[in-house]
Amino acid sequence: MNIKFPLIIVGSQWGDEGKGKVVDLLSDKATHVVRYNGGNNAGHSVVLNGEKFKLSLLPSGVIHKRKLFLSQGVVIDPKILLDEIHFFENRKIRVNLMIDPRVNIVMPYHKALDAATEVWKGKKATGSLHLGIGYCYEDKNNRFGVRFEDLINPESLKERLELIFPLKKLQIEKVYGQKFDSSIEKIYKEYANYGKKLKKYLGDVSSVISGEIKKGKVLFEGAHGTFLDGIFGTYPYTTAVYTVAGGVFPYVGLAPQKIYSMGIVKAYTTRVGNGPFPTELFDQVGAKIREVGGEFGTVSKRPRRCGWLDLCLVKTAIRLSGFDYLTITKLDVLSVADKIKVCVAYKIGGRSVKEVPALMNDFARCTPVYKEFRGWRRDISKVKLFRDLPKEAQIYIKFVEKELKVPVKIISVSPERTQNILL
């Protein structure tokens, strides 16, 4: 498996593609692992000796005991981060972490605003988890946020709360009509304590990684997936961040330069929450894929919507992020199907397209055009070599690779972190 570093890992669909497992696998070849976007609404799972490690903020390189970084493009819920640190340290895994001072902090009023606006939107709600991530980014971009440098400085934290809290309370209660039972004093006491515990992790991530990237062993872990990108995703059913590979430069603080990228492609397609989904399955096959694939949100626990692999999505993701390599995950789950379909184009009215339309009204009208394959109905979870896969599975992978014109380097055939085919 010849993969070059520095390397960015990007989801090519709607998230939940298995990025955590791939980052964990490739961390063995890296020295520094950087999470560069998103918050604790982005969950990763890694399975080690049958135990599932659920991560939402710490980079997946933690199990390999690599140097870990949270860059300024990430927003942090400090309680969640401390819980994750304690989880690993209780298992004798030391967390070697650096947090950039420019990181913004998710505050209680962000969560309250998130919940209040979802109630207000009613049937047009975006399906938010009420974790306050989008509202934290909104304050960050409006220069109204609390940064990590404030969290670890009690005087600065108090000053920011006195400025921000009264307006947020009015907004929640007077605009949205929801009760917000909190106070400056209560939040200050709780968050000053978090700051005291996290202060030791302070560091200039931009400066450190700008130096280390020249050595070539830096791995960048992206959150979410391409079509949750705040601009190029299926707006408005998106996150508040850039999820495409180019976001790594401003989100870490790097000069434009060559960084290799790997797109993670689930062997079928899933998404959580609302929004259009052309290849969604509503039958027993979709339900079986959800059951066997464990398609329930790492953070939300919500059942994921399941459908066939959509190459129009992935081709668009390749154009946006310039993938040098692909990983195919959860190939083993498709063993449940007698016949497998792949979307190769969309029909919109009388025309055919092979990428996601720029107009979301058009995307909502897309009808998938499928190519059908024979299933293999065989357990492949112990297969280590491509040639040992059932012939039908080999045909499926070769077709996907040929259509996408990007080499497949890893095929995941089991949730266990060691069960992969390396090409």
Protein backbone atom coordinates (compact mmCIF):
# COMPACT_ATOMS: atom_id res chain seq x y z
CA MET A 1 0.00 0.00 0.00
CA ASN A 2 1.85 3.05 -1.29
CA ILE A 3 0.21 6.15 0.22
CA LYS A 4 2.00 9.49 0.48
CA PHE A 5 1.93 12.00 3.33
CA PRO A 6 0.95 14.66 4.39
CA LEU A 7 -2.54 13.28 3.90
CA ILE A 8 -6.10 14.51 4.43
CA ILE A 9 -8.94 12.08 5.15
CA VAL A 10 -12.30 13.28 3.78
CA GLY A 11 -15.72 11.63 3.73
CA SER A 12 -17.13 11.48 0.20
CA GLN A 13 -20.82 11.15 1.11
CA TRP A 14 -22.94 12.43 4.02
CA GLY A 15 -20.54 11.43 6.76
CA ASP A 16 -20.45 8.16 8.73
CA GLU A 17 -18.25 6.58 6.03
CA GLY A 18 -15.81 5.04 8.51
CA LYS A 19 -13.18 7.78 8.57
CA GLY A 20 -12.24 6.98 12.17
CA LYS A 21 -11.15 3.45 11.33
CA VAL A 22 -9.07 4.67 8.38
CA VAL A 23 -7.40 7.41 10.43
CA ASP A 24 -6.63 4.83 13.11
CA LEU A 25 -5.10 2.50 10.49
CA LEU A 26 -3.01 5.22 8.83
CA SER A 27 -1.93 6.75 12.15
CA ASP A 28 0.56 3.90 12.34
CA LYS A 29 2.47 5.66 9.55
CA ALA A 30 2.01 9.22 10.89
CA THR A 31 3.64 11.16 13.72
CA HIS A 32 1.03 13.94 14.08
CA VAL A 33 -2.77 13.64 13.70
CA VAL A 34 -4.76 16.85 13.33
CA ARG A 35 -8.53 17.23 13.64
CA TYR A 36 -9.26 20.38 11.64
CA ASN A 37 -13.02 20.98 11.54
CA GLY A 38 -16.37 20.30 13.20
CA GLY A 39 -17.39 19.69 16.77
CA ASN A 40 -18.69 16.84 18.90
CA ASN A 41 -21.60 16.31 16.49
CA ALA A 42 -19.14 14.32 14.38
CA GLY A 43 -18.64 10.89 15.89
CA HIS A 44 -16.02 8.29 14.99
CA SER A 45 -15.93 4.69 16.16
CA VAL A 46 -12.88 2.44 16.30
CA VAL A 47 -13.14 -1.22 17.35
CA LEU A 48 -10.20 -2.71 19.28
CA ASN A 49 -10.34 -6.31 20.49
CA GLY A 50 -14.12 -6.23 20.38
CA GLU A 51 -14.42 -2.99 22.39
CA LYS A 52 -15.84 0.02 20.56
CA PHE A 53 -14.11 3.33 21.23
CA LYS A 54 -16.47 6.20 20.48
CA LEU A 55 -14.78 9.50 19.69
CA SER A 56 -16.33 12.86 18.91
CA LEU A 57 -13.47 15.33 19.44
CA LEU A 58 -10.18 13.51 19.94
CA PRO A 59 -8.51 12.45 16.67
CA SER A 60 -8.61 8.71 16.03
CA GLY A 61 -4.81 8.52 16.27
CA VAL A 62 -5.20 8.44 20.06
CA ILE A 63 -5.05 4.64 20.14
CA HIS A 64 -1.62 4.69 18.46
CA LYS A 65 -0.51 7.27 21.06
CA ARG A 66 0.35 9.81 18.39
CA LYS A 67 0.70 13.57 18.92
CA LEU A 68 -2.84 14.92 18.61
CA PHE A 69 -3.97 18.39 17.62
CA LEU A 70 -7.25 20.32 17.61
CA SER A 71 -6.83 23.23 15.22
CA GLN A 72 -8.74 26.51 15.16
CA GLY A 73 -11.33 25.13 12.72
CA VAL A 74 -12.70 22.87 15.47
CA VAL A 75 -15.20 23.97 18.12
CA ILE A 76 -14.98 22.31 21.52
CA ASP A 77 -17.50 21.33 24.15
CA PRO A 78 -15.01 21.16 27.05
CA LYS A 79 -17.02 18.66 29.10
CA ILE A 80 -17.14 16.21 26.19
CA LEU A 81 -13.42 16.62 25.52
CA LEU A 82 -12.50 16.03 29.17
CA ASP A 83 -14.73 12.93 29.27
CA GLU A 84 -12.91 11.51 26.22
CA ILE A 85 -9.48 12.25 27.70
CA HIS A 86 -10.47 10.51 30.95
CA PHE A 87 -11.86 7.53 29.02
CA PHE A 88 -8.51 6.80 27.40
CA GLU A 89 -6.32 7.68 30.36
CA ASN A 90 -8.37 5.29 32.51
CA ARG A 91 -7.30 2.62 29.99
CA LYS A 92 -3.63 3.57 30.35
CA ILE A 93 -3.58 5.40 27.00
CA ARG A 94 -1.88 8.76 27.52
CA VAL A 95 -3.45 11.59 25.52
CA ASN A 96 -0.71 13.77 24.00
CA LEU A 97 -2.86 16.71 22.91
CA MET A 98 -2.42 20.32 21.76
CA ILE A 99 -5.33 22.77 21.45
CA ASP A 100 -5.01 25.96 19.44
CA PRO A 101 -5.86 29.16 21.41
CA ARG A 102 -8.12 30.27 18.53
CA VAL A 103 -10.51 27.32 18.96
CA ASN A 104 -14.03 28.47 19.85
CA ILE A 105 -15.94 27.00 22.79
CA VAL A 106 -19.48 25.62 22.66
CA MET A 107 -21.43 27.32 25.46
CA PRO A 108 -24.74 26.33 27.12
CA TYR A 109 -26.63 29.11 25.33
CA HIS A 110 -25.50 27.70 21.97
CA LYS A 111 -27.25 24.41 22.81
CA ALA A 112 -30.37 26.23 24.03
CA LEU A 113 -30.51 28.31 20.83
CA ASP A 114 -30.03 25.18 18.73
CA ALA A 115 -33.01 23.47 20.38
CA ALA A 116 -35.18 26.60 20.34
CA THR A 117 -34.71 27.30 16.64
CA GLU A 118 -35.43 23.68 15.69
CA VAL A 119 -38.78 23.99 17.52
CA TRP A 120 -39.44 27.26 15.71
CA LYS A 121 -38.68 25.71 12.28
CA GLY A 122 -41.24 22.95 12.85
CA LYS A 123 -41.55 20.65 9.83
CA LYS A 124 -38.63 22.43 8.15
CA ALA A 125 -36.20 21.60 10.96
CA THR A 126 -32.77 20.53 9.71
CA GLY A 127 -32.49 17.56 12.07
CA SER A 128 -29.93 19.16 14.39
CA LEU A 129 -28.74 17.22 17.44
CA HIS A 130 -29.16 20.34 19.65
CA LEU A 131 -25.43 20.31 20.45
CA GLY A 132 -24.97 23.98 19.65
CA ILE A 133 -22.25 23.48 17.05
CA GLY A 134 -23.72 25.68 14.33
CA TYR A 135 -24.48 28.47 16.79
CA CYS A 136 -20.93 28.35 18.10
CA TYR A 137 -19.66 28.79 14.53
CA GLU A 138 -22.15 31.62 14.02
CA ASP A 139 -20.71 33.49 17.01
CA LYS A 140 -17.18 32.73 15.87
CA ASN A 141 -17.83 34.28 12.46
CA ASN A 142 -19.67 37.22 14.06
CA ARG A 143 -16.74 37.88 16.44
CA PHE A 144 -19.02 37.16 19.38
CA GLY A 145 -17.51 33.90 20.57
CA VAL A 146 -15.60 32.54 23.54
CA ARG A 147 -12.23 31.20 22.45
CA PHE A 148 -9.96 28.68 24.15
CA GLU A 149 -7.69 31.53 25.20
CA ASP A 150 -10.70 33.01 27.06
CA LEU A 151 -11.66 29.69 28.64
CA ILE A 152 -8.27 29.31 30.30
CA ASN A 153 -8.17 32.93 31.50
CA PRO A 154 -10.78 33.49 34.28
CA GLU A 155 -10.84 37.29 33.87
CA SER A 156 -11.31 37.08 30.12
CA LEU A 157 -13.99 34.40 30.48
CA LYS A 158 -15.97 36.56 32.93
CA GLU A 159 -15.68 39.59 30.65
CA ARG A 160 -16.91 37.66 27.61
CA LEU A 161 -19.85 36.19 29.49
CA GLU A 162 -20.93 39.59 30.80
CA LEU A 163 -20.97 40.88 27.24
CA ILE A 164 -22.60 37.89 25.51
CA PHE A 165 -24.93 36.17 27.99
CA PRO A 166 -27.63 38.88 28.41
CA LEU A 167 -28.25 39.08 24.66
CA LYS A 168 -28.37 35.27 24.28
CA LYS A 169 -30.86 34.95 27.14
CA LEU A 170 -33.11 37.59 25.59
CA GLN A 171 -32.88 35.90 22.22
CA ILE A 172 -33.85 32.46 23.56
CA GLU A 173 -36.68 33.69 25.77
CA LYS A 174 -38.10 36.73 23.93
CA VAL A 175 -37.57 35.74 20.31
CA TYR A 176 -38.12 31.97 20.49
CA GLY A 177 -40.29 31.82 23.62
CA GLN A 178 -38.20 29.11 25.28
CA LYS A 179 -37.10 29.18 28.91
CA PHE A 180 -33.34 29.38 29.57
CA ASP A 181 -32.69 28.60 33.22
CA SER A 182 -29.05 29.63 33.63
CA SER A 183 -26.92 32.58 34.73
CA ILE A 184 -23.53 34.18 34.19
CA GLU A 185 -22.39 32.97 37.59
CA LYS A 186 -23.43 29.37 36.99
CA ILE A 187 -21.78 29.17 33.56
CA TYR A 188 -18.64 30.96 34.75
CA LYS A 189 -18.12 28.56 37.64
CA GLU A 190 -18.53 25.48 35.45
CA TYR A 191 -16.47 26.70 32.51
CA ALA A 192 -13.65 28.26 34.53
CA ASN A 193 -13.16 24.80 36.05
CA TYR A 194 -12.99 23.26 32.55
CA GLY A 195 -10.44 25.88 31.57
CA LYS A 196 -8.27 25.08 34.56
CA LYS A 197 -8.19 21.39 33.59
CA LEU A 198 -7.55 22.00 29.88
CA LYS A 199 -5.00 24.82 30.13
CA LYS A 200 -2.05 22.43 29.98
CA TYR A 201 -2.99 21.50 26.39
CA LEU A 202 -2.57 25.05 25.02
CA GLY A 203 -0.31 25.43 21.97
CA ASP A 204 -0.01 27.19 18.60
CA VAL A 205 -1.19 24.40 16.32
CA SER A 206 -0.75 26.50 13.18
CA SER A 207 2.91 27.16 13.92
CA VAL A 208 3.74 23.61 15.01
CA ILE A 209 2.05 21.88 12.08
CA SER A 210 3.47 24.37 9.55
CA GLY A 211 6.89 23.14 10.65
CA GLU A 212 6.04 19.46 10.95
CA ILE A 213 4.26 19.19 7.60
CA LYS A 214 7.58 19.58 5.81
CA LYS A 215 8.66 16.28 7.33
CA GLY A 216 5.70 14.60 5.61
CA LYS A 217 4.21 12.53 8.41
CA VAL A 218 1.14 14.61 9.25
CA LEU A 219 -2.36 13.12 8.96
CA PHE A 220 -5.37 15.46 8.83
CA GLU A 221 -8.70 14.11 10.03
CA GLY A 222 -11.81 15.73 8.58
CA ALA A 223 -15.22 15.57 10.23
CA HIS A 224 -18.58 14.92 8.57
CA GLY A 225 -18.72 14.28 4.81
CA THR A 226 -18.54 16.23 1.56
CA PHE A 227 -22.28 16.76 1.23
CA LEU A 228 -22.57 18.21 4.71
CA ASP A 229 -20.25 21.03 3.58
CA GLY A 230 -21.81 24.38 4.49
CA ILE A 231 -21.40 25.67 0.92
CA PHE A 232 -21.16 22.72 -1.48
CA GLY A 233 -23.31 20.26 0.47
CA THR A 234 -27.06 19.68 0.20
CA TYR A 235 -27.91 23.08 1.67
CA PRO A 236 -29.65 23.83 4.03
CA TYR A 237 -29.30 20.27 5.38
CA THR A 238 -25.62 20.75 6.11
CA THR A 239 -23.16 21.62 8.86
CA ALA A 240 -21.69 25.08 9.46
CA VAL A 241 -18.18 24.19 8.21
CA TYR A 242 -16.18 23.42 5.10
CA THR A 243 -15.80 19.67 4.84
CA VAL A 244 -13.94 19.55 1.51
CA ALA A 245 -10.17 19.02 1.53
CA GLY A 246 -9.25 22.65 0.79
CA GLY A 247 -10.69 23.73 4.14
CA VAL A 248 -7.61 22.33 5.83
CA PHE A 249 -5.53 25.39 4.90
CA PRO A 250 -7.52 28.12 6.74
CA TYR A 251 -8.79 25.73 9.42
CA VAL A 252 -5.27 24.78 10.50
CA GLY A 253 -3.43 27.91 9.38
CA LEU A 254 -1.28 26.59 6.56
CA ALA A 255 0.01 28.11 3.34
CA PRO A 256 -1.41 26.50 0.16
CA GLN A 257 0.77 23.53 -0.77
CA LYS A 258 0.51 19.95 -1.97
CA ILE A 259 -1.28 17.76 0.54
CA TYR A 260 -2.50 14.35 -0.63
CA SER A 261 -6.12 13.43 0.00
CA MET A 262 -8.02 10.20 0.49
CA GLY A 263 -11.76 9.93 -0.01
CA ILE A 264 -13.63 7.48 2.20
CA VAL A 265 -16.48 5.78 0.33
CA LYS A 266 -18.98 3.59 2.12
CA ALA A 267 -19.91 0.64 -0.14
CA TYR A 268 -23.49 1.88 0.07
CA THR A 269 -24.86 5.30 1.08
CA THR A 270 -26.30 6.60 4.34
CA ARG A 271 -27.36 9.92 5.76
CA VAL A 272 -28.79 11.18 9.05
CA GLY A 273 -31.51 13.80 9.31
CA ASN A 274 -33.56 15.46 6.63
CA GLY A 275 -32.78 16.34 3.03
CA PRO A 276 -32.88 14.70 -0.43
CA PHE A 277 -31.41 11.23 -0.88
CA PRO A 278 -31.90 9.86 -4.44
CA THR A 279 -30.83 6.24 -3.79
CA GLU A 280 -32.59 5.79 -0.44
CA LEU A 281 -34.10 2.35 0.16
CA PHE A 282 -37.45 1.93 1.90
CA ASP A 283 -37.67 -1.87 1.64
CA GLN A 284 -36.40 -4.88 3.57
CA VAL A 285 -32.97 -4.66 1.91
CA GLY A 286 -32.49 -1.14 3.30
CA ALA A 287 -33.61 -2.30 6.74
CA LYS A 288 -31.22 -5.27 6.61
CA ILE A 289 -28.29 -3.05 5.60
CA ARG A 290 -29.09 -0.76 8.55
CA GLU A 291 -29.25 -3.71 10.95
CA VAL A 292 -26.12 -5.54 9.78
CA GLY A 293 -24.14 -2.35 9.24
CA GLY A 294 -25.02 -0.98 12.68
CA GLU A 295 -26.24 2.18 11.00
CA PHE A 296 -27.11 4.20 14.06
CA GLY A 297 -25.45 7.52 14.84
CA THR A 298 -22.33 7.41 17.05
CA VAL A 299 -23.43 10.65 18.72
CA SER A 300 -27.16 10.85 17.95
CA LYS A 301 -28.08 7.11 18.18
CA ARG A 302 -30.59 7.88 15.43
CA PRO A 303 -31.17 5.23 12.73
CA ARG A 304 -29.44 6.25 9.52
CA ARG A 305 -31.27 6.33 6.22
CA CYS A 306 -29.72 3.71 3.92
CA GLY A 307 -29.48 3.40 0.15
CA TRP A 308 -27.38 2.13 -2.73
CA LEU A 309 -23.96 3.53 -3.57
CA ASP A 310 -24.30 6.80 -5.48
CA LEU A 311 -21.37 7.44 -7.81
CA CYS A 312 -22.71 10.88 -8.76
CA LEU A 313 -22.14 11.95 -5.17
CA VAL A 314 -18.63 10.51 -5.11
CA LYS A 315 -17.65 11.95 -8.50
CA THR A 316 -18.63 15.40 -7.27
CA ALA A 317 -16.66 14.84 -4.06
CA ILE A 318 -13.60 13.90 -6.15
CA ARG A 319 -13.91 17.12 -8.13
CA LEU A 320 -14.22 19.20 -4.96
CA SER A 321 -11.38 17.56 -3.00
CA GLY A 322 -9.11 16.11 -5.69
CA PHE A 323 -8.76 12.68 -4.10
CA ASP A 324 -5.51 10.88 -4.80
CA TYR A 325 -6.75 7.65 -3.20
CA LEU A 326 -9.98 5.95 -2.18
CA THR A 327 -10.94 3.65 0.67
CA ILE A 328 -14.05 1.47 0.36
CA THR A 329 -15.62 0.72 3.75
CA LYS A 330 -18.24 -1.75 4.95
CA LEU A 331 -18.04 -3.96 1.88
CA ASP A 332 -18.98 -6.88 4.15
CA VAL A 333 -22.41 -5.39 4.83
CA LEU A 334 -23.44 -5.84 1.18
CA SER A 335 -23.17 -9.61 1.71
CA VAL A 336 -26.83 -9.42 2.81
CA ALA A 337 -28.08 -8.64 -0.72
CA ASP A 338 -28.79 -11.03 -3.61
CA LYS A 339 -28.57 -8.13 -6.04
CA ILE A 340 -26.67 -4.90 -5.59
CA LYS A 341 -27.31 -1.64 -7.41
CA VAL A 342 -25.03 1.33 -8.07
CA CYS A 343 -26.28 4.73 -9.19
CA VAL A 344 -24.29 5.81 -12.27
CA ALA A 345 -26.33 8.87 -13.31
CA TYR A 346 -29.36 11.00 -12.45
CA LYS A 347 -32.37 11.79 -14.60
CA ILE A 348 -33.74 15.30 -14.12
CA GLY A 349 -36.75 15.80 -16.30
CA GLY A 350 -35.57 14.75 -19.75
CA ARG A 351 -31.84 15.14 -19.19
CA SER A 352 -29.15 12.94 -17.69
CA VAL A 353 -26.33 14.17 -15.40
CA LYS A 354 -23.44 12.42 -13.68
CA GLU A 355 -22.74 14.88 -10.85
CA VAL A 356 -24.76 16.51 -8.10
CA PRO A 357 -26.58 19.53 -9.57
CA ALA A 358 -25.61 22.96 -8.26
CA LEU A 359 -29.29 23.82 -7.77
CA MET A 360 -30.73 22.00 -4.78
CA ASN A 361 -34.22 22.18 -6.28
CA ASP A 362 -32.86 20.09 -9.16
CA PHE A 363 -31.19 17.65 -6.79
CA ALA A 364 -34.50 17.07 -5.01
CA ARG A 365 -35.96 16.00 -8.38
CA CYS A 366 -33.17 13.57 -9.32
CA THR A 367 -34.11 10.00 -10.20
CA PRO A 368 -31.21 7.51 -10.02
CA VAL A 369 -30.09 5.47 -13.01
CA TYR A 370 -28.77 2.13 -11.78
CA LYS A 371 -26.36 -0.56 -12.89
CA GLU A 372 -27.11 -3.91 -11.25
CA PHE A 373 -24.62 -6.49 -9.94
CA ARG A 374 -24.91 -9.98 -8.55
CA GLY A 375 -24.40 -10.24 -4.80
CA TRP A 376 -22.02 -12.71 -3.18
CA ARG A 377 -23.99 -13.75 -0.07
CA ARG A 378 -20.81 -14.85 1.70
CA ASP A 379 -19.01 -13.78 4.86
CA ILE A 380 -15.91 -11.84 3.78
CA SER A 381 -14.93 -10.44 7.18
CA LYS A 382 -11.76 -12.55 7.42
CA VAL A 383 -10.50 -11.95 3.86
CA LYS A 384 -7.03 -10.37 3.76
CA LEU A 385 -6.23 -10.41 0.02
CA PHE A 386 -8.21 -8.95 -2.86
CA ARG A 387 -7.89 -12.15 -4.89
CA ASP A 388 -9.62 -14.08 -2.09
CA LEU A 389 -12.78 -11.98 -2.29
CA PRO A 390 -15.73 -13.60 -4.07
CA LYS A 391 -15.61 -12.90 -7.80
CA GLU A 392 -18.79 -10.82 -7.55
CA ALA A 393 -17.21 -8.56 -4.90
CA GLN A 394 -14.09 -8.12 -7.03
CA ILE A 395 -16.24 -7.09 -10.01
CA TYR A 396 -18.06 -4.57 -7.83
CA ILE A 397 -14.86 -2.94 -6.57
CA LYS A 398 -13.20 -2.88 -10.01
CA PHE A 399 -16.28 -1.24 -11.51
CA VAL A 400 -16.33 1.48 -8.84
CA GLU A 401 -12.61 2.15 -9.30
CA LYS A 402 -12.92 2.32 -13.10
CA GLU A 403 -15.91 4.68 -12.96
CA LEU A 404 -14.28 7.03 -10.44
CA LYS A 405 -10.79 6.95 -12.02
CA VAL A 406 -9.09 7.04 -8.61
CA PRO A 407 -7.18 4.05 -7.19
CA VAL A 408 -8.70 2.10 -4.30
CA LYS A 409 -6.01 1.53 -1.68
CA ILE A 410 -7.96 0.11 1.28
CA ILE A 411 -11.06 -2.09 1.51
CA SER A 412 -12.63 -2.53 4.93
CA VAL A 413 -14.38 -5.87 5.43
CA SER A 414 -15.18 -5.74 9.17
CA PRO A 415 -15.58 -3.20 11.98
CA GLU A 416 -12.44 -4.62 13.64
CA ARG A 417 -9.54 -2.25 13.06
CA THR A 418 -7.24 -4.97 11.66
CA GLN A 419 -9.71 -6.40 9.15
CA ASN A 420 -8.76 -4.63 5.93
CA ILE A 421 -7.54 -5.47 2.44
CA LEU A 422 -4.56 -3.28 1.53
CA LEU A 423 -3.87 -2.71 -2.15
